[in-house]
Every structure is written in structure tokens, then in C-alpha cells.
Amino acid sequence: MKQHITGDEREVYFPSEIQQKLGISKTSTYKFLEDVYKNKAPFTVVKIGKLYRITKTSFDCWFKQQIRK
């Protein structure tokens, strides 16, 4: 039996959530995530086929640092 995991229980963000948090377009989001994936910085992006998943802990840490600047 499959269990449904809510957004609060997941350990990853979907690109649409990153798009919303950063307030950028879908195209810009995917370009940004591709760059982050290739550079392996400033946060962790996992690519599964064509799908991106972003670890919440690494993204949240990076995002908080950006806000403080």
C-alpha cells in the first residue's frame, strides 16, 4: 500500500516550489537548477532522468544566507 507524503514530510522540494520561493519564471528556475546541478553548488540538486529534486536542508540554508546579505 502506498502512503501519501505531504510537502511537510518530504525531504525535497519540487522545482515549482523553488520557483515560487524565488519568484522567478519556470524557464529561469530550470536554467538555475541545471547550473546548480552541474556545479554541485550552492545547494544539492538531484536529477532523476529529466526530473529535478532539491534537498530542503541545503536549499533552506543557502536561501537564509541570501536573505541575510
C-alpha atoms as a PDB file:
ATOM      1  CA  MET A   1       0.000   0.000   0.000  1.00  0.00           C
ATOM      2  CA  LYS A   2       1.352   3.427  -0.988  1.00  0.00           C
ATOM      3  CA  GLN A   3       1.450   6.118   1.636  1.00  0.00           C
ATOM      4  CA  HIS A   4       0.879   9.712   0.621  1.00  0.00           C
ATOM      5  CA  ILE A   5       3.647  12.005   1.839  1.00  0.00           C
ATOM      6  CA  THR A   6       2.735  15.649   2.338  1.00  0.00           C
ATOM      7  CA  GLY A   7       5.003  18.571   1.488  1.00  0.00           C
ATOM      8  CA  ASP A   8       5.938  18.991   5.142  1.00  0.00           C
ATOM      9  CA  GLU A   9       7.096  15.364   5.374  1.00  0.00           C
ATOM     10  CA  ARG A  10       9.133  15.329   2.151  1.00  0.00           C
ATOM     11  CA  GLU A  11      12.866  15.953   2.365  1.00  0.00           C
ATOM     12  CA  VAL A  12      12.975  17.547  -1.084  1.00  0.00           C
ATOM     13  CA  TYR A  13      11.445  20.467  -2.943  1.00  0.00           C
ATOM     14  CA  PHE A  14       9.993  20.285  -6.430  1.00  0.00           C
ATOM     15  CA  PRO A  15      11.141  22.889  -8.990  1.00  0.00           C
ATOM     16  CA  SER A  16       7.740  24.613  -8.794  1.00  0.00           C
ATOM     17  CA  GLU A  17       8.311  25.212  -5.073  1.00  0.00           C
ATOM     18  CA  ILE A  18      11.739  26.720  -5.771  1.00  0.00           C
ATOM     19  CA  GLN A  19      10.169  28.877  -8.485  1.00  0.00           C
ATOM     20  CA  GLN A  20       7.600  30.170  -6.015  1.00  0.00           C
ATOM     21  CA  LYS A  21      10.148  30.818  -3.253  1.00  0.00           C
ATOM     22  CA  LEU A  22      12.470  32.735  -5.587  1.00  0.00           C
ATOM     23  CA  GLY A  23       9.708  34.484  -7.534  1.00  0.00           C
ATOM     24  CA  ILE A  24      11.211  33.675 -10.930  1.00  0.00           C
ATOM     25  CA  SER A  25       9.855  32.192 -14.156  1.00  0.00           C
ATOM     26  CA  LYS A  26       9.678  28.474 -14.867  1.00  0.00           C
ATOM     27  CA  THR A  27      12.353  28.807 -17.552  1.00  0.00           C
ATOM     28  CA  SER A  28      14.684  30.700 -15.211  1.00  0.00           C
ATOM     29  CA  THR A  29      14.088  28.126 -12.484  1.00  0.00           C
ATOM     30  CA  TYR A  30      15.116  25.216 -14.694  1.00  0.00           C
ATOM     31  CA  LYS A  31      18.178  27.079 -16.015  1.00  0.00           C
ATOM     32  CA  PHE A  32      19.203  27.890 -12.453  1.00  0.00           C
ATOM     33  CA  LEU A  33      18.676  24.303 -11.267  1.00  0.00           C
ATOM     34  CA  GLU A  34      20.672  22.945 -14.221  1.00  0.00           C
ATOM     35  CA  ASP A  35      23.576  25.244 -13.299  1.00  0.00           C
ATOM     36  CA  VAL A  36      23.391  24.262  -9.637  1.00  0.00           C
ATOM     37  CA  TYR A  37      23.268  20.576 -10.612  1.00  0.00           C
ATOM     38  CA  LYS A  38      26.320  20.892 -12.887  1.00  0.00           C
ATOM     39  CA  ASN A  39      28.340  22.928 -10.359  1.00  0.00           C
ATOM     40  CA  LYS A  40      27.190  20.894  -7.339  1.00  0.00           C
ATOM     41  CA  ALA A  41      26.797  24.193  -5.502  1.00  0.00           C
ATOM     42  CA  PRO A  42      25.495  26.269  -3.748  1.00  0.00           C
ATOM     43  CA  PHE A  43      22.962  23.609  -2.680  1.00  0.00           C
ATOM     44  CA  THR A  44      22.154  19.994  -3.542  1.00  0.00           C
ATOM     45  CA  VAL A  45      20.109  19.189  -6.650  1.00  0.00           C
ATOM     46  CA  VAL A  46      19.330  15.584  -7.563  1.00  0.00           C
ATOM     47  CA  LYS A  47      18.435  14.789 -11.163  1.00  0.00           C
ATOM     48  CA  ILE A  48      16.416  11.668 -11.927  1.00  0.00           C
ATOM     49  CA  GLY A  49      16.054  11.419 -15.684  1.00  0.00           C
ATOM     50  CA  LYS A  50      14.611  14.827 -16.538  1.00  0.00           C
ATOM     51  CA  LEU A  51      13.238  15.441 -13.044  1.00  0.00           C
ATOM     52  CA  TYR A  52      14.916  17.700 -10.506  1.00  0.00           C
ATOM     53  CA  ARG A  53      14.613  17.394  -6.757  1.00  0.00           C
ATOM     54  CA  ILE A  54      16.210  19.850  -4.358  1.00  0.00           C
ATOM     55  CA  THR A  55      17.120  18.866  -0.808  1.00  0.00           C
ATOM     56  CA  LYS A  56      15.243  21.068   1.638  1.00  0.00           C
ATOM     57  CA  THR A  57      18.037  21.372   4.186  1.00  0.00           C
ATOM     58  CA  SER A  58      20.681  22.516   1.695  1.00  0.00           C
ATOM     59  CA  PHE A  59      18.335  24.895  -0.142  1.00  0.00           C
ATOM     60  CA  ASP A  60      16.914  26.415   3.047  1.00  0.00           C
ATOM     61  CA  CYS A  61      20.423  27.018   4.416  1.00  0.00           C
ATOM     62  CA  TRP A  62      21.510  28.711   1.176  1.00  0.00           C
ATOM     63  CA  PHE A  63      18.295  30.745   0.955  1.00  0.00           C
ATOM     64  CA  LYS A  64      18.635  32.042   4.537  1.00  0.00           C
ATOM     65  CA  GLN A  65      22.208  33.129   3.772  1.00  0.00           C
ATOM     66  CA  GLN A  66      20.988  35.018   0.682  1.00  0.00           C
ATOM     67  CA  ILE A  67      18.353  36.847   2.701  1.00  0.00           C
ATOM     68  CA  ARG A  68      20.970  37.980   5.243  1.00  0.00           C
ATOM     69  CA  LYS A  69      23.192  39.546   2.566  1.00  0.00           C
END
